[in-house]
């Protein structure tokens, strides 16, 4: 029994040492480098307050089964600090529990602290009390705003540090984000905008998290921040700093829904094309926005006429079900991309024009080559000869040849399981016969309404 206890103690001790080992996260122009290993990163956004804590393990497990390396989330300031200096990290707002759930599934995490989120979230994530502070001006050189932003950002960083979740502490968080798409609105702020974004970089860097910080949609981001791209396609994107890897923080899997509008749809084939094209053109990190289409609970919907559903036509639907064929088709793509990770991150790159619409991109190392054949024509299929072999490349599609000989995947050839959810209108004739409806007049005299006679109001009567 003593020997068992000794061995058990050794096991526990070694496990602690394993988790405590720091991971070195750096980069070059071609890849994210983790402990010396050059990696491509396939990531997906899952927002913890838009689902329930009970759903998190299943969602993250399905993300891993779908071939992802990482899960990304915003941090929502107004949810966590609804009243100044009064914080809520309970229930579905338990950020640490969510991050640990990602870790327990063996995935990396990317933390978009912001703390401005946008995200079609109420007030972009800013708390209302901040709006009412004397002398405040948002997202510019303003001491009131910057002091509050620094306080919340530091709070989140310190919380995560205490749990040792940054990769530099032996954790799994490999990247963090400060601000969000500021480059889209920076110009009207003039010199104060430039001062503010420089301050953001300096403030974030001073928090010493030991992993790189990113700024999305921030061309020429101040060092040491790394800029990234958002959009439907980012294959043509090039960071201004040639030493910054090519990263895509938001690949929109669909779109948000407004009241009265049709359900947004982005086809499986086009989404797969955008991902394959991005890595054909030297991509390093790609993130689906969203990977789980979730729910705006309570009054968290932002923007005019936003619905409570945030399904986003994502690979995992609002209820956490697989959205087929999107989930399965992308899983196949992820597996193929992972199989050629070494050539993508180390190989010499050559491009060959085969005909007017088809281009071959060859990644060549000393002992291996991998190829992409892309047909950019939106309407016309192509049959081309490459390396003495004929290939059929449908319109607007990419074929991946891990050995430059055999096609392992084409973005337009869908072999994944397919199903469709049919939504039926709630018409009276469609209701089950067991449901019976009855009406009765309200007894006004027994209600707590002052006075007698007819009452007409345009609001709820207490």
Protein backbone atom coordinates (compact mmCIF):
# COMPACT_ATOMS: atom_id res chain seq x y z
CA UNK A 1 0.00 0.00 0.00
CA UNK A 2 2.89 2.35 0.82
CA UNK A 3 4.45 1.61 -2.57
CA UNK A 4 1.10 2.41 -4.25
CA UNK A 5 0.88 5.72 -2.37
CA UNK A 6 4.45 6.52 -3.37
CA UNK A 7 3.81 5.79 -7.04
CA UNK A 8 0.55 7.73 -6.94
CA UNK A 9 2.37 10.72 -5.43
CA UNK A 10 5.06 10.51 -8.11
CA UNK A 11 2.34 10.44 -10.79
CA UNK A 12 0.61 13.50 -9.32
CA UNK A 13 3.94 15.33 -8.97
CA UNK A 14 4.95 14.55 -12.56
CA UNK A 15 1.54 15.64 -13.81
CA UNK A 16 1.92 18.98 -12.05
CA UNK A 17 5.38 19.42 -13.54
CA UNK A 18 4.03 18.59 -17.00
CA UNK A 19 1.30 21.20 -16.77
CA UNK A 20 3.66 23.75 -15.23
CA UNK A 21 6.17 23.63 -18.08
CA UNK A 22 6.17 26.91 -19.95
CA UNK A 23 5.47 26.85 -23.69
CA UNK A 24 7.34 29.22 -25.96
CA UNK A 25 5.01 30.84 -28.51
CA UNK A 26 6.70 32.86 -31.25
CA UNK A 27 6.28 33.26 -35.00
CA UNK A 28 7.99 33.81 -38.28
CA UNK A 29 6.50 35.03 -41.54
CA UNK A 30 5.20 31.53 -42.35
CA UNK A 31 3.83 30.09 -39.11
CA UNK A 32 3.05 30.21 -35.43
CA UNK A 33 5.93 28.47 -33.63
CA UNK A 34 5.09 26.59 -30.43
CA UNK A 35 8.03 25.05 -28.58
CA UNK A 36 10.02 25.13 -31.79
CA UNK A 37 7.31 23.44 -33.88
CA UNK A 38 6.09 25.43 -36.89
CA UNK A 39 2.31 25.11 -37.01
CA UNK A 40 -0.70 26.20 -38.97
CA UNK A 41 -3.65 26.92 -36.68
CA UNK A 42 -7.27 26.10 -37.50
CA UNK A 43 -9.55 27.83 -35.02
CA UNK A 44 -13.23 28.50 -34.43
CA UNK A 45 -15.15 31.09 -32.40
CA UNK A 46 -17.41 29.89 -29.59
CA UNK A 47 -18.76 32.61 -27.27
CA UNK A 48 -19.29 31.32 -23.74
CA UNK A 49 -22.16 33.72 -22.75
CA UNK A 50 -24.08 32.76 -25.90
CA UNK A 51 -24.38 29.15 -24.79
CA UNK A 52 -24.75 27.44 -21.42
CA UNK A 53 -21.98 26.04 -19.26
CA UNK A 54 -23.56 22.61 -19.61
CA UNK A 55 -23.13 22.82 -23.40
CA UNK A 56 -19.45 23.78 -23.37
CA UNK A 57 -17.84 20.32 -23.14
CA UNK A 58 -19.94 18.95 -26.01
CA UNK A 59 -19.38 22.01 -28.20
CA UNK A 60 -15.62 21.97 -27.70
CA UNK A 61 -15.45 18.20 -28.19
CA UNK A 62 -17.23 18.58 -31.52
CA UNK A 63 -14.84 21.39 -32.48
CA UNK A 64 -11.92 19.07 -31.81
CA UNK A 65 -13.57 16.21 -33.72
CA UNK A 66 -14.08 18.68 -36.57
CA UNK A 67 -10.32 19.10 -36.87
CA UNK A 68 -9.79 22.39 -35.05
CA UNK A 69 -6.62 23.24 -33.12
CA UNK A 70 -8.01 26.16 -31.15
CA UNK A 71 -11.15 27.87 -29.86
CA UNK A 72 -11.43 31.64 -29.82
CA UNK A 73 -13.71 33.85 -27.76
CA UNK A 74 -14.35 37.48 -26.96
CA UNK A 75 -14.54 38.70 -23.37
CA UNK A 76 -17.74 40.72 -22.81
CA UNK A 77 -17.10 43.71 -20.54
CA UNK A 78 -20.70 44.74 -19.86
CA UNK A 79 -21.65 41.17 -18.93
CA UNK A 80 -18.84 40.90 -16.39
CA UNK A 81 -18.97 44.42 -14.95
CA UNK A 82 -22.65 45.47 -15.16
CA UNK A 83 -22.09 47.92 -12.30
CA UNK A 84 -18.78 49.70 -11.89
CA UNK A 85 -16.40 47.58 -9.79
CA UNK A 86 -19.06 44.90 -9.28
CA UNK A 87 -18.10 41.78 -11.20
CA UNK A 88 -19.97 38.69 -12.34
CA UNK A 89 -18.16 35.54 -13.48
CA UNK A 90 -20.85 33.07 -12.48
CA UNK A 91 -22.80 30.50 -14.49
CA UNK A 92 -22.57 31.11 -18.23
CA UNK A 93 -20.16 34.00 -17.53
CA UNK A 94 -17.55 31.72 -15.92
CA UNK A 95 -14.70 32.59 -18.26
CA UNK A 96 -12.11 30.53 -16.39
CA UNK A 97 -14.31 27.43 -16.46
CA UNK A 98 -14.81 27.90 -20.21
CA UNK A 99 -11.08 28.27 -20.83
CA UNK A 100 -10.33 25.20 -18.73
CA UNK A 101 -12.91 23.23 -20.69
CA UNK A 102 -11.01 24.11 -23.87
CA UNK A 103 -7.76 23.04 -22.20
CA UNK A 104 -9.24 19.76 -20.99
CA UNK A 105 -10.12 18.84 -24.58
CA UNK A 106 -6.50 19.43 -25.61
CA UNK A 107 -7.13 22.53 -27.72
CA UNK A 108 -5.41 25.89 -27.75
CA UNK A 109 -7.33 29.04 -26.81
CA UNK A 110 -7.23 32.53 -28.32
CA UNK A 111 -8.53 35.23 -25.99
CA UNK A 112 -9.95 38.40 -27.54
CA UNK A 113 -10.02 40.65 -24.48
CA UNK A 114 -10.79 43.79 -26.46
CA UNK A 115 -12.48 44.88 -24.30
CA UNK A 116 -14.54 46.40 -27.13
CA UNK A 117 -16.09 43.40 -28.87
CA UNK A 118 -18.66 44.61 -31.44
CA UNK A 119 -19.84 41.01 -32.09
CA UNK A 120 -23.45 42.16 -32.62
CA UNK A 121 -23.54 42.33 -28.83
CA UNK A 122 -25.44 45.02 -26.94
CA UNK A 123 -23.45 48.28 -27.02
CA UNK A 124 -20.49 46.40 -28.46
CA UNK A 125 -19.71 45.07 -24.99
CA UNK A 126 -19.30 48.46 -23.34
CA UNK A 127 -21.09 48.81 -19.97
CA UNK A 128 -23.74 51.51 -19.78
CA UNK A 129 -22.23 53.04 -16.65
CA UNK A 130 -19.13 53.83 -18.73
CA UNK A 131 -21.27 55.87 -21.11
CA UNK A 132 -22.52 57.95 -18.19
CA UNK A 133 -19.11 58.77 -16.70
CA UNK A 134 -18.26 62.46 -16.62
CA UNK A 135 -15.87 63.48 -19.40
CA UNK A 136 -15.66 60.07 -21.05
CA UNK A 137 -15.04 59.66 -24.78
CA UNK A 138 -14.86 56.14 -26.18
CA UNK A 139 -11.95 54.56 -28.06
CA UNK A 140 -9.72 57.63 -28.25
CA UNK A 141 -7.08 59.44 -26.25
CA UNK A 142 -9.25 60.02 -23.19
CA UNK A 143 -8.02 59.44 -19.65
CA UNK A 144 -11.41 58.42 -18.26
CA UNK A 145 -11.96 55.77 -20.90
CA UNK A 146 -8.38 54.50 -20.91
CA UNK A 147 -8.29 54.14 -17.13
CA UNK A 148 -11.44 52.02 -17.16
CA UNK A 149 -10.27 49.97 -20.14
CA UNK A 150 -6.94 49.29 -18.46
CA UNK A 151 -8.66 48.30 -15.22
CA UNK A 152 -10.86 45.70 -16.91
CA UNK A 153 -8.12 44.37 -19.21
CA UNK A 154 -5.77 44.00 -16.23
CA UNK A 155 -8.52 42.25 -14.26
CA UNK A 156 -8.95 39.62 -16.99
CA UNK A 157 -5.22 39.12 -17.46
CA UNK A 158 -4.64 38.75 -13.72
CA UNK A 159 -7.51 36.28 -13.43
CA UNK A 160 -6.11 34.14 -16.23
CA UNK A 161 -2.57 34.39 -14.84
CA UNK A 162 -3.72 33.16 -11.43
CA UNK A 163 -5.00 30.01 -13.12
CA UNK A 164 -1.75 29.71 -15.11
CA UNK A 165 -3.60 29.47 -18.42
CA UNK A 166 -1.25 31.43 -20.66
CA UNK A 167 1.09 29.20 -22.66
CA UNK A 168 4.06 30.98 -21.10
CA UNK A 169 2.87 29.56 -17.75
CA UNK A 170 2.32 26.05 -19.08
CA UNK A 171 -1.25 26.77 -20.17
CA UNK A 172 -2.96 26.69 -23.55
CA UNK A 173 -3.72 30.34 -24.43
CA UNK A 174 -1.40 31.05 -27.35
CA UNK A 175 -2.64 34.49 -28.48
CA UNK A 176 -4.54 37.43 -27.00
CA UNK A 177 -6.23 40.38 -28.68
CA UNK A 178 -6.37 44.02 -27.61
CA UNK A 179 -8.96 46.38 -29.18
CA UNK A 180 -11.06 45.14 -32.12
CA UNK A 181 -11.30 46.35 -35.73
CA UNK A 182 -10.17 49.82 -34.71
CA UNK A 183 -8.55 50.38 -38.09
CA UNK A 184 -12.06 50.55 -39.60
CA UNK A 185 -12.95 53.64 -37.53
CA UNK A 186 -9.57 55.15 -36.68
CA UNK A 187 -9.33 57.88 -39.33
CA UNK A 188 -11.96 60.28 -37.92
CA UNK A 189 -10.15 60.30 -34.57
CA UNK A 190 -7.08 61.85 -36.19
CA UNK A 191 -3.94 62.14 -34.06
CA UNK A 192 -5.85 61.16 -30.92
CA UNK A 193 -6.75 57.87 -32.60
CA UNK A 194 -3.10 57.17 -33.38
CA UNK A 195 -2.12 58.02 -29.83
CA UNK A 196 -4.84 55.78 -28.48
CA UNK A 197 -3.90 52.69 -30.53
CA UNK A 198 -0.24 53.17 -29.59
CA UNK A 199 -1.30 53.37 -25.94
CA UNK A 200 -3.32 50.14 -26.37
CA UNK A 201 -0.20 48.37 -27.64
CA UNK A 202 1.99 49.69 -24.83
CA UNK A 203 -0.61 48.90 -22.16
CA UNK A 204 -1.14 45.35 -23.41
CA UNK A 205 2.59 44.69 -23.72
CA UNK A 206 3.15 45.91 -20.15
CA UNK A 207 0.85 43.16 -18.84
CA UNK A 208 3.60 40.65 -19.66
CA UNK A 209 1.48 37.64 -20.66
CA UNK A 210 4.33 35.91 -22.46
CA UNK A 211 2.42 35.20 -25.69
CA UNK A 212 1.88 37.43 -28.76
CA UNK A 213 -0.85 40.07 -28.87
CA UNK A 214 -2.89 40.59 -32.05
CA UNK A 215 -4.92 43.49 -33.44
CA UNK A 216 -7.46 42.60 -36.10
CA UNK A 217 -8.12 44.99 -38.98
CA UNK A 218 -5.23 47.17 -37.84
CA UNK A 219 -2.92 47.66 -40.81
CA UNK A 220 0.60 48.46 -39.66
CA UNK A 221 -0.24 47.68 -36.03
CA UNK A 222 2.20 49.23 -33.56
CA UNK A 223 4.90 46.80 -32.45
CA UNK A 224 4.91 44.29 -30.89
CA UNK A 225 1.27 43.80 -31.89
CA UNK A 226 0.55 41.48 -34.84
CA UNK A 227 -2.06 42.60 -37.36
CA UNK A 228 -4.71 40.23 -38.76
CA UNK A 229 -7.47 40.19 -41.39
CA UNK A 230 -11.27 39.82 -41.10
CA UNK A 231 -13.68 39.20 -43.98
CA UNK A 232 -15.26 36.79 -46.44
CA UNK A 233 -11.89 36.14 -48.13
CA UNK A 234 -8.39 36.97 -46.92
CA UNK A 235 -6.25 35.15 -49.49
CA UNK A 236 -5.07 38.47 -51.01
CA UNK A 237 -4.30 40.00 -47.61
CA UNK A 238 -0.68 40.77 -46.80
CA UNK A 239 0.51 42.12 -43.43
CA UNK A 240 2.46 45.36 -43.74
CA UNK A 241 5.26 43.90 -41.66
CA UNK A 242 6.85 41.11 -43.74
CA UNK A 243 7.84 39.30 -40.53
CA UNK A 244 4.21 39.01 -39.40
CA UNK A 245 2.50 35.72 -40.27
CA UNK A 246 -0.64 35.85 -42.38
CA UNK A 247 -3.56 35.42 -39.95
CA UNK A 248 -7.33 35.50 -40.51
CA UNK A 249 -9.22 36.13 -37.28
CA UNK A 250 -12.74 36.18 -38.74
CA UNK A 251 -13.81 34.01 -41.66
CA UNK A 252 -17.55 34.60 -41.70
CA UNK A 253 -19.35 31.25 -41.94
CA UNK A 254 -22.65 33.05 -42.56
CA UNK A 255 -24.11 36.22 -41.11
CA UNK A 256 -26.27 37.45 -38.27
CA UNK A 257 -30.03 37.60 -38.67
CA UNK A 258 -32.38 40.58 -38.43
CA UNK A 259 -36.08 40.38 -37.67
CA UNK A 260 -38.10 39.68 -40.81
CA UNK A 261 -35.10 38.70 -42.92
CA UNK A 262 -34.32 35.30 -44.43
CA UNK A 263 -31.94 32.91 -42.72
CA UNK A 264 -28.41 33.86 -43.85
CA UNK A 265 -26.56 31.19 -45.84
CA UNK A 266 -22.98 30.79 -46.96
CA UNK A 267 -22.55 27.66 -48.99
CA UNK A 268 -20.32 24.88 -47.73
CA UNK A 269 -18.40 24.90 -51.00
CA UNK A 270 -17.61 28.62 -50.87
CA UNK A 271 -16.50 28.52 -47.24
CA UNK A 272 -14.19 25.59 -47.95
CA UNK A 273 -12.84 27.39 -51.02
CA UNK A 274 -11.98 30.46 -48.96
CA UNK A 275 -10.03 28.39 -46.43
CA UNK A 276 -8.13 26.34 -49.03
CA UNK A 277 -7.33 29.51 -51.00
CA UNK A 278 -6.02 31.22 -47.86
CA UNK A 279 -3.53 28.42 -47.13
CA UNK A 280 -2.65 28.12 -50.82
CA UNK A 281 -1.60 31.77 -50.59
CA UNK A 282 0.59 31.39 -47.51
CA UNK A 283 -1.91 31.53 -44.65
CA UNK A 284 -0.83 30.67 -41.12
CA UNK A 285 -3.89 30.93 -38.85
CA UNK A 286 -7.55 30.82 -39.84
CA UNK A 287 -10.54 31.26 -37.51
CA UNK A 288 -14.22 30.60 -38.28
CA UNK A 289 -16.58 33.31 -37.08
CA UNK A 290 -18.66 31.59 -35.86
CA UNK A 291 -17.91 27.88 -35.38
CA UNK A 292 -20.86 27.47 -33.02
CA UNK A 293 -23.87 29.55 -33.94
CA UNK A 294 -25.32 30.46 -30.58
CA UNK A 295 -27.96 32.52 -28.78
CA UNK A 296 -28.28 36.12 -27.62
CA UNK A 297 -29.84 35.53 -24.21
CA UNK A 298 -31.71 38.25 -22.33
CA UNK A 299 -31.09 41.68 -23.83
CA UNK A 300 -27.63 41.03 -25.24
CA UNK A 301 -28.58 41.42 -28.93
CA UNK A 302 -26.86 44.42 -30.44
CA UNK A 303 -27.60 46.48 -33.51
CA UNK A 304 -31.00 47.39 -34.98
CA UNK A 305 -33.58 44.57 -35.15
CA UNK A 306 -31.13 41.80 -34.21
CA UNK A 307 -32.73 38.46 -33.41
CA UNK A 308 -32.02 36.39 -30.33
CA UNK A 309 -30.65 33.62 -32.55
CA UNK A 310 -27.00 34.01 -33.51
CA UNK A 311 -26.90 30.81 -35.54
CA UNK A 312 -24.62 32.38 -38.17
CA UNK A 313 -25.02 29.33 -40.45
CA UNK A 314 -22.05 27.95 -38.52
CA UNK A 315 -20.68 24.36 -38.60
CA UNK A 316 -22.38 23.80 -35.21
CA UNK A 317 -25.89 25.23 -35.18
CA UNK A 318 -27.57 27.23 -32.43
CA UNK A 319 -28.43 24.07 -30.48
CA UNK A 320 -24.98 22.52 -30.82
CA UNK A 321 -25.98 20.07 -33.56
CA UNK A 322 -23.69 19.33 -36.50
CA UNK A 323 -24.66 21.54 -39.43
CA UNK A 324 -24.10 19.09 -42.25
CA UNK A 325 -22.55 19.01 -44.77
CA UNK A 326 -20.61 22.10 -43.60
CA UNK A 327 -19.12 20.50 -40.47
CA UNK A 328 -18.12 17.27 -42.19
CA UNK A 329 -16.78 18.84 -45.39
CA UNK A 330 -14.60 21.24 -43.38
CA UNK A 331 -13.38 18.39 -41.17
CA UNK A 332 -12.07 16.63 -44.27
CA UNK A 333 -10.34 19.84 -45.36
CA UNK A 334 -8.74 20.30 -41.94
CA UNK A 335 -7.37 16.75 -41.98
CA UNK A 336 -5.77 17.30 -45.38
CA UNK A 337 -4.27 20.66 -44.37
CA UNK A 338 -2.80 19.14 -41.22
CA UNK A 339 -1.26 16.36 -43.32
CA UNK A 340 0.75 18.92 -45.30
CA UNK A 341 1.57 21.26 -42.41
CA UNK A 342 5.33 20.72 -42.72
CA UNK A 343 5.50 21.57 -46.40
CA UNK A 344 3.23 24.61 -45.89
CA UNK A 345 5.46 26.02 -43.15
CA UNK A 346 8.88 25.01 -44.53
CA UNK A 347 8.61 24.51 -48.28
CA UNK A 348 9.79 26.73 -51.09
CA UNK A 349 6.81 28.11 -52.99
CA UNK A 350 6.35 28.09 -56.76
CA UNK A 351 3.33 29.21 -58.78
CA UNK A 352 2.47 27.95 -62.26
CA UNK A 353 -0.24 29.29 -64.55
CA UNK A 354 -1.88 26.30 -66.23
CA UNK A 355 -4.60 28.08 -68.21
CA UNK A 356 -6.66 31.28 -67.99
CA UNK A 357 -8.37 30.30 -64.74
CA UNK A 358 -6.37 27.43 -63.21
CA UNK A 359 -3.21 28.04 -61.19
CA UNK A 360 -0.96 25.51 -59.48
CA UNK A 361 0.88 26.37 -56.26
CA UNK A 362 3.67 23.97 -55.27
CA UNK A 363 5.21 23.78 -51.79
CA UNK A 364 8.52 21.92 -52.07
CA UNK A 365 10.89 20.70 -49.34
CA UNK A 366 13.98 18.55 -49.86
CA UNK A 367 12.03 15.30 -49.80
CA UNK A 368 8.37 16.20 -50.31
CA UNK A 369 6.03 18.43 -52.30
CA UNK A 370 2.37 19.38 -51.88
CA UNK A 371 0.20 21.17 -54.45
CA UNK A 372 -2.95 23.26 -54.79
CA UNK A 373 -4.83 23.50 -58.10
CA UNK A 374 -7.27 26.43 -58.07
CA UNK A 375 -9.96 27.31 -60.60
CA UNK A 376 -11.00 30.91 -60.01
CA UNK A 377 -13.60 30.96 -62.81
CA UNK A 378 -17.00 31.30 -61.16
CA UNK A 379 -19.00 29.49 -63.86
CA UNK A 380 -16.75 27.27 -65.99
CA UNK A 381 -15.30 23.91 -64.95
CA UNK A 382 -11.82 22.97 -66.12
CA UNK A 383 -9.93 19.80 -66.98
CA UNK A 384 -6.19 20.40 -66.88
CA UNK A 385 -3.03 18.37 -67.24
CA UNK A 386 -0.57 18.79 -64.40
CA UNK A 387 2.52 16.64 -64.03
CA UNK A 388 1.28 14.33 -66.77
CA UNK A 389 -2.06 13.67 -65.02
CA UNK A 390 -5.47 15.06 -65.97
CA UNK A 391 -7.51 16.69 -63.20
CA UNK A 392 -11.12 17.87 -63.23
CA UNK A 393 -11.38 21.16 -61.30
CA UNK A 394 -14.96 22.47 -60.96
CA UNK A 395 -15.64 26.20 -61.22
CA UNK A 396 -14.66 28.21 -58.14
CA UNK A 397 -12.90 25.32 -56.46
CA UNK A 398 -9.50 24.17 -55.24
CA UNK A 399 -8.03 20.67 -55.31
CA UNK A 400 -5.35 19.74 -52.78
CA UNK A 401 -2.76 17.13 -53.77
CA UNK A 402 -0.65 16.27 -50.68
CA UNK A 403 1.94 14.50 -52.87
CA UNK A 404 1.35 16.61 -56.00
CA UNK A 405 -0.06 13.48 -57.65
CA UNK A 406 -3.31 12.26 -56.08
CA UNK A 407 -6.22 14.57 -55.31
CA UNK A 408 -7.13 14.18 -51.63
CA UNK A 409 -9.74 16.94 -51.49
CA UNK A 410 -11.67 19.37 -53.66
CA UNK A 411 -13.66 22.21 -52.13
CA UNK A 412 -16.62 21.78 -54.51
CA UNK A 413 -16.88 17.98 -54.30
CA UNK A 414 -18.92 17.34 -51.18
CA UNK A 415 -18.96 13.78 -49.85
CA UNK A 416 -19.85 14.55 -46.25
CA UNK A 417 -23.14 13.48 -44.72
CA UNK A 418 -25.89 15.94 -45.60
CA UNK A 419 -29.16 16.85 -43.98
CA UNK A 420 -31.43 19.85 -43.79
CA UNK A 421 -33.54 21.28 -40.99
CA UNK A 422 -37.04 22.18 -42.18
CA UNK A 423 -38.75 25.02 -40.33
CA UNK A 424 -42.54 24.85 -40.39
CA UNK A 425 -44.73 27.91 -39.99
CA UNK A 426 -46.84 28.06 -36.85
CA UNK A 427 -50.22 28.06 -38.57
CA UNK A 428 -53.33 27.06 -36.72
CA UNK A 429 -54.03 24.19 -39.14
CA UNK A 430 -50.56 22.75 -38.40
CA UNK A 431 -51.15 22.56 -34.65
CA UNK A 432 -51.73 19.15 -33.06
CA UNK A 433 -55.40 18.29 -32.60
CA UNK A 434 -54.80 17.73 -28.88
CA UNK A 435 -54.21 21.47 -28.38
CA UNK A 436 -57.36 23.43 -27.56
CA UNK A 437 -57.56 27.19 -27.20
CA UNK A 438 -60.15 29.22 -25.35
CA UNK A 439 -60.66 32.91 -24.71
CA UNK A 440 -62.29 34.77 -21.89
CA UNK A 441 -62.66 38.49 -21.16
CA UNK A 442 -60.42 39.92 -18.44
CA UNK A 443 -62.24 40.81 -15.26
CA UNK A 444 -61.20 44.43 -14.99
CA UNK A 445 -63.10 45.03 -11.74
CA UNK A 446 -60.98 42.46 -9.89
CA UNK A 447 -57.71 43.86 -11.22
CA UNK A 448 -55.74 46.53 -9.43
CA UNK A 449 -56.83 49.32 -11.76
CA UNK A 450 -57.73 52.65 -10.23
CA UNK A 451 -61.22 53.94 -10.99
CA UNK A 452 -64.04 52.41 -12.98
CA UNK A 453 -65.17 52.43 -16.56
CA UNK A 454 -63.39 51.62 -19.82
CA UNK A 455 -59.61 51.39 -19.64
CA UNK A 456 -57.28 51.78 -22.61
CA UNK A 457 -53.47 51.61 -22.28
CA UNK A 458 -50.55 50.97 -24.60
CA UNK A 459 -48.33 49.35 -21.98
CA UNK A 460 -48.42 46.53 -19.46
CA UNK A 461 -50.73 47.26 -16.53
CA UNK A 462 -49.30 46.39 -13.11
